[in-house]
Structure formats: structure tokens, C-alpha cells
Amino acid sequence: MGSDTINITLKVWRQKNAADKGRFETIAVNDVDSHMSFLEMLDTANEKLILAGKDPIAFDNDCREGICGTCGCVVDGIPHGPNKAMTLCQLHMRKFADGDVIAVEPWRARAFKVLKDLMVDRGPLDKIIQAGGYVSVNTGSAPDANAIPIPMEVAEKAMDAAACIGCGACVATCPNASAMLFVSAKVSQLALLPQGKPEAAQRALSMVATMDALGFGNCTNHKACEAVCPKEVSIVNIARLNREFIKAGVTSEAEVDLPLALVPAAEKSAKPRAASPEAPKPAKPVAQSTSGGMVLTGSIYILTFLFVLGFIWQSLASFL
């Protein structure tokens, strides 16, 4: 063994599909170049498994430059591994010592179904984006950069939120499997800019409702998501999402717009019945979210009271 090579032992999660129970498998990987990335080490391990007639380890990867958000698994209990502000593909084997035993497993969340081994279905994050993470306007060609003046501080905050690559590490590390950091980043990057304000209420209500419908948990301020985020997205964005959500529920008439795939089958197939002239018209349903038990239909007065109380507090603080 050369000075730049190490011998390690992998305890890798092996699972054929979502229905399989799954198990940890111990795999010895010798003569690993310490300059390899973690994914290159997995490539090396797979080559040896294939030569031995065994099934290779399945894992997600694409750009291998920390940009696309495709790669990701839990290394020794930490999403993306021990290095801060770094994706799995940027983690190098020099971080580990000769003889180390490394546990590798997929993202763990009810919303992320295991496809095989370390691969999970992160499609639920795409469905959240489909619910409102966009600006629905035909922009045509690129506009003049200075057509809409935006303060530098606001632009910086929007860019920091837009740095989210949607890898799902925040969900994997959260004890509630919450996607609040992801959702708040996507809401914030648009809510801060003038182009995103016309649909701000609709966006906040629909994206949070979709997150709930997909089985993600709610935020309880553990801050684990911020600690493992490879792009260091701040939980300040979660506070902004909460403000946008409450404001939308109290002051807006926007309705929740779930992606078609999440609309209950009964609602899709139900035929509208002609209203009887004598019967009163049905009340318009109020947009609601089940995050943390917050249902707007049941707590609208409490939220309004808190909103007004906060306004009064800010007004008094300005005179003190």
C-alpha cells in the first residue's frame, strides 16, 4: 500500500426496491487513492463488485461539481458527509483514515421512496416546485438588466435563497423530515423580487399545501437543515416563508392550487351537480395547510390577532 492509498470498509445500505426490507452489507475496498472523490471510490468499489459477479451499488450522480443536486447520501450519519458546505461529489477520501469503517445509507424520509440501494425518488421536490415555484409570465427575450431597479441588499438575499440545489439533504437530516428549508428558499427567491410579488400569496399557500400532501413534516427549529445544507441556505428563509404563508391566509383570497397528481381521485372524477334554486350556494372552501396542525379554517382569528399584535408591537418599538 502506497502513502497515498488507504484501505477502508464500507457498510452500505442495499435494497432492491421500495418494497424490499433492505440491509447493510459490509464491503472491503482496498488501495483507495486518497485523492479520489467519494463517488470515484464508489465507482472503484463497483468495478470490483462487477468483476466478482456481484450487483454494483446503485447511487445518484450527474455533474460531480456540486451544482446539480443529484448526488447525495448519508455518510456516517451526516448528509453529504463530514465536510461543511460541500456536496457528496466534492467529498474526497483524504478526509478518511486508513482502516476507517464508513456507513453509507440513502436519504431517510417518508416522502423519499428508495428506488435501489442509495438511490431515492426526489420527485416530491419537483411536485412542490410545480405547485408554485415559478413566475407565470411570458418574458420573451432577456429584459434590460436595469429595467427594474432592485436594491443590492434585496438582490443578495434573493440570490442566497436561489443557491438551493434541491438535493434533499435538509429533509434527510431533519427529525421531522421537513422540506421547509427547500420550500422557503424557493418561495423567498421570488417573494423578495418584484417579479414574484403578484403571485406571492398563491405561491406560499400552494407550495406549503403540496409539501403537506406529499408527507413532509413541519419545522420545529432544530436548525439541522441549515447545518448540513451544501449551499448554506439560512433558516431566515423559513421565517420569511411563515410570514408569507400567514399573510396569504389572512389577507388574500388566493386558493390552494395542488398539482393534478395530488388531487384526490374522487375530486377528479366527480361531476358537478346543478345547484337547486332553493338550496343555498356552497361556501367557498378556505385554503388550509396541515403543517404543525396549522389549519387556517380553525385558527384564522388567532392568526389575525397575532398579525395585528405584531404590527402594534413594531409601532410601539419605533417610539422607544
Protein backbone atom coordinates (compact mmCIF):
# COMPACT_ATOMS: atom_id res chain seq x y z
CA MET A 1 0.00 0.00 0.00
CA GLY A 2 1.44 3.39 -1.03
CA SER A 3 1.49 6.50 1.13
CA ASP A 4 -1.42 7.99 -0.84
CA THR A 5 -3.68 4.95 -0.60
CA ILE A 6 -5.87 3.67 2.20
CA ASN A 7 -7.89 0.57 2.97
CA ILE A 8 -11.45 1.13 4.15
CA THR A 9 -14.54 -0.89 4.93
CA LEU A 10 -17.93 0.22 3.68
CA LYS A 11 -21.17 -0.63 5.43
CA VAL A 12 -23.52 0.15 2.57
CA TRP A 13 -27.30 0.04 2.58
CA ARG A 14 -28.50 -2.47 -0.03
CA GLN A 15 -32.16 -2.50 -1.04
CA LYS A 16 -33.61 -3.89 -4.27
CA ASN A 17 -36.65 -1.59 -4.39
CA ALA A 18 -39.14 0.30 -2.23
CA ALA A 19 -40.91 -2.94 -1.26
CA ASP A 20 -37.70 -4.68 -0.14
CA LYS A 21 -36.79 -4.57 3.56
CA GLY A 22 -33.14 -3.70 2.88
CA ARG A 23 -30.00 -4.37 4.87
CA PHE A 24 -26.44 -3.18 5.47
CA GLU A 25 -23.73 -5.02 3.55
CA THR A 26 -20.06 -4.93 4.51
CA ILE A 27 -17.69 -4.36 1.58
CA ALA A 28 -13.90 -4.07 1.89
CA VAL A 29 -12.34 -1.55 -0.50
CA ASN A 30 -8.55 -1.68 -0.62
CA ASP A 31 -5.92 0.58 -2.18
CA VAL A 32 -8.18 3.61 -2.37
CA ASP A 33 -6.39 6.68 -3.69
CA SER A 34 -6.79 9.43 -1.08
CA HIS A 35 -7.16 11.98 -3.88
CA MET A 36 -10.32 10.27 -5.15
CA SER A 37 -13.72 11.81 -4.58
CA PHE A 38 -16.22 9.76 -2.59
CA LEU A 39 -18.14 8.94 -5.77
CA GLU A 40 -14.96 7.82 -7.52
CA MET A 41 -14.36 5.50 -4.58
CA LEU A 42 -17.85 4.05 -5.08
CA ASP A 43 -17.01 3.62 -8.77
CA THR A 44 -13.90 1.68 -7.78
CA ALA A 45 -15.89 -0.48 -5.38
CA ASN A 46 -18.45 -1.18 -8.10
CA GLU A 47 -15.76 -2.27 -10.56
CA LYS A 48 -14.56 -4.85 -8.04
CA LEU A 49 -18.12 -6.00 -7.32
CA ILE A 50 -18.86 -6.44 -11.03
CA LEU A 51 -15.64 -8.42 -11.56
CA ALA A 52 -16.71 -10.65 -8.66
CA GLY A 53 -20.10 -11.20 -10.31
CA LYS A 54 -22.00 -9.20 -7.71
CA ASP A 55 -24.58 -6.45 -8.03
CA PRO A 56 -22.97 -2.97 -8.03
CA ILE A 57 -24.03 -0.26 -5.61
CA ALA A 58 -26.69 1.99 -7.14
CA PHE A 59 -26.26 5.70 -6.42
CA ASP A 60 -27.31 9.01 -7.97
CA ASN A 61 -24.78 11.29 -9.64
CA ASP A 62 -24.50 13.69 -12.54
CA CYS A 63 -22.32 16.81 -12.72
CA ARG A 64 -19.92 15.83 -9.91
CA GLU A 65 -19.20 19.53 -9.42
CA GLY A 66 -21.58 20.34 -6.56
CA ILE A 67 -24.06 22.13 -8.82
CA CYS A 68 -26.87 19.84 -9.94
CA GLY A 69 -28.08 18.46 -6.59
CA THR A 70 -28.35 14.92 -7.97
CA CYS A 71 -25.87 13.14 -5.72
CA GLY A 72 -26.45 12.63 -2.05
CA CYS A 73 -26.44 10.02 0.66
CA VAL A 74 -25.80 9.87 4.38
CA VAL A 75 -22.15 9.22 5.30
CA ASP A 76 -21.54 8.26 8.93
CA GLY A 77 -24.86 9.81 9.89
CA ILE A 78 -24.30 13.13 8.11
CA PRO A 79 -25.94 14.03 4.78
CA HIS A 80 -23.20 14.61 2.17
CA GLY A 81 -20.52 13.59 4.69
CA PRO A 82 -18.47 15.36 7.36
CA ASN A 83 -17.34 18.40 5.35
CA LYS A 84 -19.38 21.58 5.74
CA ALA A 85 -20.87 23.41 2.75
CA MET A 86 -19.98 20.58 0.40
CA THR A 87 -21.90 18.01 -1.65
CA LEU A 88 -21.08 14.31 -1.67
CA CYS A 89 -19.31 14.54 -5.02
CA GLN A 90 -16.96 17.17 -3.56
CA LEU A 91 -16.03 15.00 -0.57
CA HIS A 92 -12.58 13.42 -1.02
CA MET A 93 -11.14 10.29 0.53
CA ARG A 94 -8.30 12.22 2.17
CA LYS A 95 -10.91 13.11 4.77
CA PHE A 96 -10.79 9.47 5.94
CA ALA A 97 -8.01 7.46 7.55
CA ASP A 98 -6.62 4.03 6.77
CA GLY A 99 -8.79 1.33 8.35
CA ASP A 100 -11.90 3.50 8.70
CA VAL A 101 -15.32 1.84 8.66
CA ILE A 102 -17.72 4.12 6.77
CA ALA A 103 -21.50 3.74 6.96
CA VAL A 104 -23.32 4.82 3.81
CA GLU A 105 -27.11 4.95 3.51
CA PRO A 106 -29.78 6.79 1.48
CA TRP A 107 -31.87 9.80 2.46
CA ARG A 108 -34.39 8.71 5.09
CA ALA A 109 -37.82 10.32 4.72
CA ARG A 110 -41.36 9.10 4.20
CA ALA A 111 -41.65 11.26 1.10
CA PHE A 112 -38.44 9.84 -0.44
CA LYS A 113 -39.03 6.27 -1.56
CA VAL A 114 -35.91 4.16 -2.00
CA LEU A 115 -35.55 3.12 -5.64
CA LYS A 116 -32.46 0.97 -5.12
CA ASP A 117 -29.59 1.00 -2.61
CA LEU A 118 -28.58 4.67 -2.24
CA MET A 119 -30.99 6.00 -4.88
CA VAL A 120 -34.21 7.68 -3.74
CA ASP A 121 -37.09 9.26 -5.59
CA ARG A 122 -36.80 13.02 -5.05
CA GLY A 123 -39.71 13.67 -7.39
CA PRO A 124 -41.77 15.10 -4.49
CA LEU A 125 -39.50 18.15 -4.50
CA ASP A 126 -40.32 18.65 -8.17
CA LYS A 127 -44.04 18.47 -7.37
CA ILE A 128 -43.60 21.26 -4.81
CA ILE A 129 -41.97 23.41 -7.50
CA GLN A 130 -44.83 22.61 -9.88
CA ALA A 131 -47.26 23.94 -7.27
CA GLY A 132 -45.89 27.47 -7.47
CA GLY A 133 -42.12 27.77 -7.59
CA TYR A 134 -42.13 29.88 -10.72
CA VAL A 135 -43.30 33.16 -12.23
CA SER A 136 -46.09 32.50 -14.74
CA VAL A 137 -45.38 35.22 -17.28
CA ASN A 138 -44.14 35.11 -20.86
CA THR A 139 -40.95 37.12 -20.59
CA GLY A 140 -39.86 36.93 -24.23
CA SER A 141 -36.26 37.97 -24.78
CA ALA A 142 -33.94 38.91 -21.93
CA PRO A 143 -35.01 42.28 -20.46
CA ASP A 144 -32.69 45.19 -19.84
CA ALA A 145 -30.71 44.50 -16.67
CA ASN A 146 -31.61 47.89 -15.18
CA ALA A 147 -35.26 48.00 -16.30
CA ILE A 148 -36.46 47.26 -12.75
CA PRO A 149 -34.21 48.78 -10.07
CA ILE A 150 -33.69 46.36 -7.17
CA PRO A 151 -31.69 47.29 -4.05
CA MET A 152 -28.42 45.38 -3.79
CA GLU A 153 -29.30 44.02 -0.34
CA VAL A 154 -32.56 42.55 -1.66
CA ALA A 155 -30.85 41.07 -4.71
CA GLU A 156 -28.21 39.46 -2.49
CA LYS A 157 -30.85 37.84 -0.26
CA ALA A 158 -32.73 36.53 -3.30
CA MET A 159 -29.52 35.10 -4.76
CA ASP A 160 -28.63 33.43 -1.45
CA ALA A 161 -32.04 31.73 -1.42
CA ALA A 162 -31.74 30.77 -5.09
CA ALA A 163 -28.48 28.94 -4.32
CA CYS A 164 -30.57 25.93 -3.17
CA ILE A 165 -29.87 22.99 -5.49
CA GLY A 166 -32.75 20.82 -4.27
CA CYS A 167 -30.56 17.92 -3.15
CA GLY A 168 -32.82 16.99 -0.21
CA ALA A 169 -30.14 16.98 2.50
CA CYS A 170 -32.33 19.25 4.64
CA VAL A 171 -35.11 16.66 4.55
CA ALA A 172 -32.72 13.79 5.30
CA THR A 173 -31.27 15.39 8.42
CA CYS A 174 -34.47 16.85 9.87
CA PRO A 175 -36.03 14.71 12.65
CA ASN A 176 -39.42 15.61 11.15
CA ALA A 177 -38.31 15.01 7.55
CA SER A 178 -39.40 18.56 6.84
CA ALA A 179 -38.86 20.25 3.48
CA MET A 180 -39.35 23.72 4.94
CA LEU A 181 -35.82 24.92 4.12
CA PHE A 182 -36.24 23.85 0.50
CA VAL A 183 -39.72 25.37 0.19
CA SER A 184 -38.69 28.57 1.96
CA ALA A 185 -35.70 29.02 -0.35
CA LYS A 186 -37.89 28.65 -3.44
CA VAL A 187 -40.54 30.99 -2.01
CA SER A 188 -38.01 33.56 -0.80
CA GLN A 189 -36.07 33.88 -4.04
CA LEU A 190 -39.29 35.03 -5.74
CA ALA A 191 -41.04 36.81 -2.85
CA LEU A 192 -38.09 39.17 -2.44
CA LEU A 193 -38.16 40.31 -6.07
CA PRO A 194 -40.83 42.47 -7.74
CA GLN A 195 -41.41 39.85 -10.46
CA GLY A 196 -42.59 37.35 -7.85
CA LYS A 197 -44.89 39.55 -5.80
CA PRO A 198 -48.11 39.27 -7.92
CA GLU A 199 -48.32 35.52 -7.24
CA ALA A 200 -46.74 35.58 -3.75
CA ALA A 201 -49.90 34.58 -1.86
CA GLN A 202 -50.87 31.81 -4.28
CA ARG A 203 -47.30 30.50 -4.24
CA ALA A 204 -46.98 30.32 -0.45
CA LEU A 205 -50.34 28.62 0.08
CA SER A 206 -49.97 26.10 -2.75
CA MET A 207 -46.37 25.10 -2.10
CA VAL A 208 -46.95 24.56 1.63
CA ALA A 209 -50.15 22.60 0.96
CA THR A 210 -48.32 20.44 -1.58
CA MET A 211 -45.49 19.83 0.88
CA ASP A 212 -48.05 18.63 3.44
CA ALA A 213 -49.87 16.43 0.93
CA LEU A 214 -46.64 14.69 -0.03
CA GLY A 215 -45.91 13.61 3.53
CA PHE A 216 -43.15 16.01 4.56
CA GLY A 217 -43.10 17.12 8.20
CA ASN A 218 -43.13 20.62 9.63
CA CYS A 219 -40.28 22.72 11.01
CA THR A 220 -39.66 22.68 14.77
CA ASN A 221 -36.49 24.82 14.72
CA HIS A 222 -33.82 22.14 15.18
CA LYS A 223 -31.66 24.03 12.64
CA ALA A 224 -30.14 20.75 11.45
CA CYS A 225 -31.14 21.62 7.87
CA GLU A 226 -29.05 24.79 7.87
CA ALA A 227 -26.07 22.91 9.35
CA VAL A 228 -25.89 20.32 6.54
CA CYS A 229 -27.04 22.41 3.57
CA PRO A 230 -24.21 22.29 1.00
CA LYS A 231 -25.11 25.82 -0.14
CA GLU A 232 -25.56 27.14 3.40
CA VAL A 233 -29.13 28.33 2.84
CA SER A 234 -30.22 30.14 6.00
CA ILE A 235 -33.25 29.30 8.13
CA VAL A 236 -34.06 33.01 7.94
CA ASN A 237 -35.88 31.94 4.79
CA ILE A 238 -38.16 29.70 6.87
CA ALA A 239 -39.17 32.72 8.94
CA ARG A 240 -39.91 34.57 5.70
CA LEU A 241 -41.99 31.62 4.43
CA ASN A 242 -44.02 31.64 7.66
CA ARG A 243 -44.71 35.35 7.24
CA GLU A 244 -45.70 34.90 3.60
CA PHE A 245 -47.95 31.96 4.49
CA ILE A 246 -49.73 33.71 7.37
CA LYS A 247 -50.12 36.91 5.38
CA ALA A 248 -51.58 34.97 2.45
CA GLY A 249 -54.02 33.10 4.67
CA VAL A 250 -55.21 36.24 6.48
CA THR A 251 -55.27 38.91 3.80
CA SER A 252 -55.51 37.09 0.46
CA GLU A 253 -58.32 35.36 -1.38
CA ALA A 254 -55.87 33.11 -3.23
CA GLU A 255 -56.77 29.42 -3.32
CA VAL A 256 -54.55 26.39 -2.92
CA ASP A 257 -53.52 25.02 -6.29
CA LEU A 258 -52.31 21.43 -5.93
CA PRO A 259 -50.59 19.65 -8.84
CA LEU A 260 -53.07 17.41 -10.67
CA ALA A 261 -51.27 14.26 -9.48
CA LEU A 262 -52.06 15.16 -5.86
CA VAL A 263 -55.73 15.97 -6.33
CA PRO A 264 -57.80 13.14 -4.77
CA ALA A 265 -59.29 10.81 -7.37
CA ALA A 266 -62.78 11.49 -6.07
CA GLU A 267 -62.42 15.17 -6.84
CA LYS A 268 -61.10 14.47 -10.34
CA SER A 269 -63.96 12.17 -11.30
CA ALA A 270 -66.80 13.96 -9.53
CA LYS A 271 -69.27 15.59 -11.90
CA PRO A 272 -70.62 18.99 -10.85
CA ARG A 273 -74.29 18.87 -9.95
CA ALA A 274 -76.71 21.59 -10.89
CA ALA A 275 -77.49 23.66 -7.84
CA SER A 276 -81.09 23.71 -6.74
CA PRO A 277 -82.65 27.19 -6.93
CA GLU A 278 -83.87 26.83 -3.36
CA ALA A 279 -80.62 25.46 -1.97
CA PRO A 280 -78.03 27.93 -0.71
CA LYS A 281 -74.78 28.10 -2.62
CA PRO A 282 -71.99 26.04 -1.01
CA ALA A 283 -69.45 28.03 0.92
CA LYS A 284 -66.16 28.59 -0.84
CA PRO A 285 -63.50 26.33 0.77
CA VAL A 286 -60.79 28.15 2.66
CA ALA A 287 -57.22 27.27 1.78
CA GLN A 288 -55.70 25.22 4.52
CA SER A 289 -52.43 23.56 5.47
CA THR A 290 -51.80 20.75 7.93
CA SER A 291 -48.21 21.76 8.76
CA GLY A 292 -47.76 21.57 12.53
CA GLY A 293 -51.54 21.43 12.98
CA MET A 294 -51.97 24.91 11.45
CA VAL A 295 -55.35 24.79 9.71
CA LEU A 296 -56.43 28.20 8.55
CA THR A 297 -60.13 27.36 8.81
CA GLY A 298 -59.75 26.73 12.54
CA SER A 299 -57.25 29.40 13.54
CA ILE A 300 -57.96 32.36 11.27
CA TYR A 301 -58.93 34.60 14.20
CA ILE A 302 -55.84 33.69 16.19
CA LEU A 303 -53.59 34.42 13.22
CA THR A 304 -55.32 37.74 12.63
CA PHE A 305 -54.86 38.67 16.28
CA LEU A 306 -51.16 37.78 16.17
CA PHE A 307 -50.71 39.70 12.95
CA VAL A 308 -52.29 42.84 14.44
CA LEU A 309 -50.41 42.39 17.73
CA GLY A 310 -47.10 42.19 15.84
CA PHE A 311 -47.95 45.36 13.95
CA ILE A 312 -48.77 47.20 17.19
CA TRP A 313 -45.54 45.95 18.79
CA GLN A 314 -43.45 47.19 15.87
CA SER A 315 -45.21 50.56 16.03
CA LEU A 316 -44.52 50.92 19.75
CA ALA A 317 -40.90 49.81 19.34
CA SER A 318 -40.30 52.62 16.88
CA PHE A 319 -41.10 55.18 19.61
CA LEU A 320 -38.94 53.57 22.30
